[in-house]
Structures are given as C-alpha cells and as structure tokens.
Protein backbone atom coordinates (compact mmCIF):
# COMPACT_ATOMS: atom_id res chain seq x y z
CA MET A 1 10.07 -3.89 12.62
CA LYS A 2 6.91 -1.97 11.76
CA ILE A 3 4.90 -2.79 8.64
CA THR A 4 2.14 -0.53 7.27
CA ILE A 5 -0.28 -1.39 4.46
CA LEU A 6 -0.31 1.77 2.32
CA GLY A 7 -2.70 0.38 -0.26
CA SER A 8 -4.92 -2.71 -0.07
CA GLY A 9 -6.71 -2.18 -3.38
CA THR A 10 -6.11 -2.76 -7.06
CA ALA A 11 -6.30 -1.05 -10.43
CA VAL A 12 -9.92 -0.04 -9.74
CA PRO A 13 -10.13 3.47 -8.23
CA SER A 14 -11.59 3.49 -4.74
CA LEU A 15 -12.24 6.01 -2.00
CA HIS A 16 -11.43 3.35 0.59
CA ARG A 17 -8.50 1.38 -0.86
CA ASN A 18 -5.43 2.82 -2.53
CA SER A 19 -3.49 0.59 -4.89
CA SER A 20 -0.64 -1.64 -3.84
CA GLY A 21 2.05 -0.55 -1.41
CA VAL A 22 3.70 -1.63 1.84
CA LEU A 23 6.00 0.39 4.11
CA ILE A 24 8.61 -1.49 6.16
CA GLN A 25 10.33 0.50 8.90
CA ASP A 26 13.29 -1.06 10.68
CA ASN A 27 16.44 0.25 12.36
CA GLY A 28 15.75 3.80 11.24
CA THR A 29 15.27 2.93 7.56
CA ASN A 30 12.14 3.20 5.41
CA SER A 31 11.64 0.64 2.67
CA LEU A 32 8.71 0.49 0.27
CA VAL A 33 7.42 -2.59 -1.47
CA ASP A 34 5.59 -1.23 -4.51
CA PHE A 35 4.38 2.33 -4.92
CA GLY A 36 0.89 2.33 -6.39
CA TYR A 37 -1.27 5.41 -6.80
CA GLY A 38 -2.41 6.98 -3.56
CA ASN A 39 0.61 5.70 -1.63
CA LEU A 40 2.48 9.00 -1.63
CA ARG A 41 -0.40 10.65 0.20
CA GLN A 42 -0.62 7.72 2.59
CA LEU A 43 3.05 8.24 3.48
CA LEU A 44 2.30 11.87 4.31
CA ASN A 45 -0.43 10.67 6.68
CA LEU A 46 2.36 8.78 8.46
CA GLU A 47 4.60 11.90 8.38
CA VAL A 48 6.96 10.19 5.92
CA THR A 49 8.08 12.44 3.05
CA TYR A 50 10.05 12.01 -0.16
CA HIS A 51 13.18 12.71 1.88
CA ASP A 52 12.66 9.72 4.14
CA ILE A 53 12.43 6.73 1.79
CA ASP A 54 15.68 4.75 1.59
CA ARG A 55 14.74 1.93 -0.78
CA ILE A 56 11.91 0.87 -3.05
CA PHE A 57 11.39 -2.80 -3.91
CA PHE A 58 9.10 -3.37 -6.88
CA THR A 59 7.33 -6.68 -7.37
CA HIS A 60 6.61 -5.81 -11.01
CA ASN A 61 5.82 -2.82 -13.21
CA HIS A 62 2.04 -2.78 -13.59
CA PRO A 63 0.55 0.71 -13.10
CA ASP A 64 -1.20 -0.06 -9.81
CA HIS A 65 2.19 -1.01 -8.34
CA VAL A 66 4.43 1.76 -9.70
CA CYS A 67 2.42 4.88 -10.53
CA ASP A 68 3.34 7.00 -7.50
CA LEU A 69 7.02 6.65 -8.36
CA ILE A 70 6.45 9.42 -10.93
CA PRO A 71 5.25 12.17 -8.53
CA PHE A 72 7.77 10.94 -5.95
CA LEU A 73 10.70 11.53 -8.31
CA PHE A 74 9.17 14.77 -9.59
CA GLY A 75 8.65 16.11 -6.07
CA SER A 76 12.17 15.13 -5.06
CA ARG A 77 13.41 17.83 -7.46
CA TYR A 78 11.55 20.63 -5.63
CA GLN A 79 14.11 23.41 -5.70
CA LEU A 80 13.32 24.83 -2.25
CA ASP A 81 13.54 21.43 -0.52
CA THR A 82 15.44 19.07 -2.81
CA ARG A 83 15.97 15.46 -1.83
CA LYS A 84 19.65 14.85 -1.08
CA LYS A 85 19.73 11.27 0.21
CA ASP A 86 20.59 8.61 -2.37
CA LEU A 87 17.75 6.29 -3.42
CA GLU A 88 17.96 2.59 -4.19
CA ILE A 89 15.44 0.72 -6.36
CA ILE A 90 15.36 -3.08 -6.43
CA ALA A 91 13.30 -5.09 -8.92
CA GLY A 92 13.36 -8.11 -11.18
CA PRO A 93 15.08 -8.38 -14.58
CA GLY A 94 13.63 -5.96 -17.12
CA PHE A 95 12.91 -3.12 -14.73
CA GLN A 96 15.90 -1.04 -15.81
CA ASP A 97 14.65 -0.96 -19.41
CA PHE A 98 11.16 0.01 -18.22
CA PHE A 99 12.60 2.75 -16.01
CA ASP A 100 14.79 4.13 -18.79
CA LYS A 101 11.75 4.47 -21.05
CA LEU A 102 9.83 6.15 -18.24
CA MET A 103 12.63 8.67 -17.81
CA LEU A 104 12.75 9.26 -21.55
CA ALA A 105 8.99 9.91 -21.67
CA PHE A 106 9.24 12.60 -18.98
CA LYS A 107 12.50 14.01 -20.36
CA HIS A 108 14.50 15.65 -17.54
CA TRP A 109 11.58 16.16 -15.16
CA LEU A 110 12.19 13.01 -13.11
CA LYS A 111 15.99 13.07 -13.09
CA PRO A 112 17.66 13.56 -9.69
CA THR A 113 19.34 16.91 -9.18
CA GLU A 114 21.11 16.45 -5.83
CA TYR A 115 21.00 12.71 -5.10
CA LYS A 116 22.01 9.48 -6.81
CA LEU A 117 19.48 6.88 -7.92
CA ASN A 118 20.74 3.30 -8.14
CA ILE A 119 18.75 0.45 -9.68
CA SER A 120 19.55 -3.19 -8.91
CA GLU A 121 17.93 -5.97 -10.91
CA ILE A 122 17.86 -9.24 -8.96
CA ASP A 123 16.67 -12.52 -10.43
CA GLU A 124 16.68 -14.67 -7.30
CA GLY A 125 18.78 -15.00 -4.17
CA ILE A 126 19.54 -13.35 -0.83
CA ARG A 127 21.08 -9.90 -0.39
CA ASP A 128 21.83 -7.66 2.56
CA PHE A 129 20.42 -4.15 2.46
CA GLY A 130 21.71 -2.43 5.55
CA LYS A 131 20.45 -4.51 8.47
CA LEU A 132 17.73 -6.18 6.41
CA LYS A 133 18.39 -9.54 4.81
CA VAL A 134 16.22 -9.77 1.70
CA GLN A 135 15.35 -12.95 -0.15
CA VAL A 136 14.09 -12.47 -3.71
CA GLY A 137 12.11 -15.16 -5.51
CA LYS A 138 10.11 -15.63 -8.69
CA VAL A 139 6.32 -15.60 -8.32
CA LYS A 140 3.63 -16.48 -10.85
CA HIS A 141 2.22 -13.33 -12.43
CA ILE A 142 4.35 -11.86 -15.24
CA ALA A 143 7.96 -12.59 -16.21
CA MET A 144 9.31 -9.69 -14.13
CA SER A 145 7.32 -10.56 -10.99
CA ARG A 146 9.28 -11.15 -7.80
CA GLY A 147 8.24 -11.65 -4.21
CA TYR A 148 10.34 -10.63 -1.22
CA ARG A 149 11.13 -11.89 2.24
CA PHE A 150 12.63 -9.39 4.70
CA THR A 151 14.42 -10.50 7.87
CA ASN A 152 15.84 -8.01 10.37
CA ASP A 153 18.76 -8.38 12.77
CA GLN A 154 16.37 -9.59 15.49
CA GLY A 155 15.20 -12.47 13.28
CA LYS A 156 11.74 -11.01 12.64
CA SER A 157 10.48 -11.64 9.11
CA VAL A 158 7.81 -10.53 6.66
CA ALA A 159 7.12 -11.86 3.15
CA VAL A 160 5.33 -9.78 0.50
CA SER A 161 3.96 -11.41 -2.64
CA GLY A 162 2.89 -8.58 -4.89
CA ASP A 163 0.59 -10.12 -7.50
CA THR A 164 0.87 -13.89 -7.70
CA ASP A 165 -0.94 -17.09 -8.44
CA TYR A 166 -0.31 -20.24 -6.43
CA CYS A 167 3.38 -21.15 -6.82
CA GLU A 168 6.26 -22.86 -5.04
CA GLY A 169 8.28 -19.65 -5.15
CA MET A 170 5.87 -17.83 -2.83
CA ILE A 171 5.54 -20.83 -0.54
CA GLU A 172 9.33 -20.78 -0.05
CA LEU A 173 9.44 -17.03 0.55
CA GLY A 174 6.72 -17.38 3.19
CA ARG A 175 8.11 -20.49 4.89
CA ASP A 176 7.62 -20.08 8.69
CA VAL A 177 7.62 -16.28 8.28
CA ASP A 178 6.23 -14.11 11.09
CA LEU A 179 3.90 -12.30 8.67
CA MET A 180 2.97 -13.02 5.06
CA ILE A 181 1.25 -10.28 3.06
CA LEU A 182 -0.42 -12.18 0.26
CA GLU A 183 -2.69 -11.03 -2.53
CA CYS A 184 -6.20 -12.45 -2.79
CA ALA A 185 -7.61 -10.51 -5.69
CA TRP A 186 -10.79 -12.38 -6.57
CA PRO A 187 -13.48 -14.68 -5.18
CA ASP A 188 -12.91 -18.27 -6.29
CA ASP A 189 -15.60 -18.11 -8.98
CA GLU A 190 -14.04 -14.97 -10.53
CA LYS A 191 -10.39 -16.09 -10.29
CA THR A 192 -8.06 -15.15 -13.17
CA ASP A 193 -4.62 -16.47 -14.09
CA GLY A 194 -1.80 -14.78 -12.22
CA HIS A 195 -3.92 -13.99 -9.16
CA LEU A 196 -5.10 -15.87 -6.10
CA GLY A 197 -8.58 -16.69 -4.90
CA PRO A 198 -9.26 -17.57 -1.27
CA THR A 199 -9.01 -21.35 -1.64
CA LEU A 200 -5.52 -21.22 -3.17
CA ALA A 201 -4.45 -18.38 -0.87
CA GLY A 202 -5.37 -20.53 2.12
CA LYS A 203 -3.59 -23.55 0.64
CA LEU A 204 -0.45 -21.52 -0.05
CA ALA A 205 -0.39 -20.05 3.46
CA MET A 206 -0.96 -23.46 5.03
CA GLU A 207 1.90 -25.00 3.06
CA ALA A 208 4.19 -22.08 3.91
CA ASN A 209 3.24 -22.45 7.60
CA CYS A 210 3.37 -18.66 8.07
CA LYS A 211 2.64 -17.51 11.61
CA LYS A 212 0.31 -14.69 10.55
CA LEU A 213 -1.42 -14.06 7.22
CA CYS A 214 -2.61 -10.70 5.89
CA LEU A 215 -4.61 -10.85 2.66
CA THR A 216 -4.70 -7.80 0.40
CA HIS A 217 -5.21 -6.54 -3.19
CA PHE A 218 -9.00 -6.92 -3.18
CA TYR A 219 -11.00 -6.25 -6.34
CA PRO A 220 -14.58 -4.95 -5.83
CA PRO A 221 -16.32 -8.36 -6.30
CA CYS A 222 -14.60 -9.67 -3.15
CA ASP A 223 -16.94 -10.54 -0.31
CA LEU A 224 -14.50 -10.28 2.56
CA GLU A 225 -16.47 -12.45 4.98
CA ASN A 226 -16.68 -15.18 2.35
CA ILE A 227 -12.94 -14.86 1.74
CA ARG A 228 -12.25 -15.24 5.46
CA ASN A 229 -14.44 -18.36 5.76
CA THR A 230 -12.94 -19.97 2.65
CA VAL A 231 -9.31 -19.29 3.59
CA GLN A 232 -9.83 -20.68 7.09
CA LYS A 233 -10.83 -24.05 5.66
CA ASN A 234 -7.14 -24.54 4.87
CA TYR A 235 -5.17 -21.99 6.89
CA LYS A 236 -5.64 -22.24 10.66
CA GLY A 237 -3.26 -19.46 11.75
CA GLU A 238 -4.06 -15.83 12.53
CA LEU A 239 -5.77 -14.22 9.54
CA LEU A 240 -6.26 -10.53 8.82
CA LEU A 241 -7.92 -8.82 5.86
CA ALA A 242 -5.95 -5.73 4.92
CA ARG A 243 -7.25 -2.20 5.09
CA ASP A 244 -5.31 0.93 4.26
CA LEU A 245 -2.97 2.08 7.05
CA MET A 246 -3.25 -1.23 8.93
CA GLN A 247 -0.03 -1.71 10.91
CA PHE A 248 1.95 -4.62 12.32
CA ASP A 249 4.72 -4.55 14.91
CA LEU A 250 7.01 -7.56 14.78
C-alpha cells in the first residue's frame, strides 16, 4: 500500500501547500480521500490522470476538500480522450443532495458521457471496496463529516481524519493503525471548534496507539517545530509533519 499526501494545506492559498487530499494506491487501484484544489495537478506529477482514479472518499463537502472534483469531472468528458472507467464516490449522509445541486449548477458540463458515476452515502460501518476493507466513522467537524480507516489484504492499515476535533470516533478509527493521517490545523492558542491543535492531536494519537502519526492541514499561523514539540509531550510514536507529495509505503 502506497499513500501520498496530495495536499497538506487548508483553505488559504499557498505556493507550498495545496488543500486537502490523499492518494491511496493498493492492488492496482487508486483511491482518493478528498479532492481539494491543486490536487488534480499533483496527481499529474505522479503520472495519475483522470482515467486512473477508481474511487473518491470525501470526508465532507467544504471547498478545500472537494473543489478539484469539478475540473476532474469536466476533464473526464474530453471528447478526444473520454474517461470510460466507472467512478465510485463514497461520503457521509447529505453528500448526494450536495452533488445533485453541484450538477444542476453546471448543467450538463459535469455529467459523464461514457462512464457511470455511483455515489454511496455511508453513515457508519465497514464495507469492502475491492480488496480494501474500509471502516467509516463519524468525526467532530460538521454533520456530514466522516473519517476512514483502510485495511488491505495484507493487513496494512491507514486512517484519515479529514477535518476533526478531538473525538472518540477518530480514536476508534485510528486504533493500532499502521499510519494515522490527522489534521492539526492550528496552534493551541488559536484553536477553533471542529479542528485540532497539537495538544489534543497528541492526546488523540496516544489514545489510539497508532504506530505512526502524520499531521497535516496546517493553517499559516502554525509553527511546525512548536507543533512537533507539543505533540510529543503526549504521543511517543513516530511523528511526521506532512508536506505535499510526501509518501508512505506500508
């Protein structure tokens, strides 16, 4: 299983950090978790095109997590090289209504021409998607927000939070996982509801007992060295601070 951070940033435009997105490659399939702006270009840097994505898992529908879905669907209609492989989208309850309104806003310009697009709304539970077993759980951000835990047929696992505050749901998704990709949006003194600061991120990771922790989704006020020092007061495992195109092989 190979995991690539496509975007380690936020809603704030940056030359160094694209907004949220993770690519999971396993057994010949390409799965995205979120699709924030800048991610489509990042995929091209990895030689992954709009033909190659099999599934997209959305944690929620805020712009910095979904915006590149629009050019992805638009490009998939390119008449000289049309996407033909079916596409699956998985998200929490309420995403279908959001997607329908998105399609209505762009009229026919995002509608598939030669492939089928299937949307599955999942509240909580475990589902098999090909050779990936995926656990879906509620996290503390907005009503639609869901985190994911992916386990392959070799037993390797990665959990991805999307945006979340400290919550039992994310602790369970990250329990003993090989890698947890967890947001840490703000320094402790700037923390806002629905997001983690380094103290709570470290506490959550410690309680989940994840083997490796990658923090991501950094707003500009973040002092990364301070984040590292604060997190390590609670979490004693391997800690990495995400950068765009950082990769993990599990």
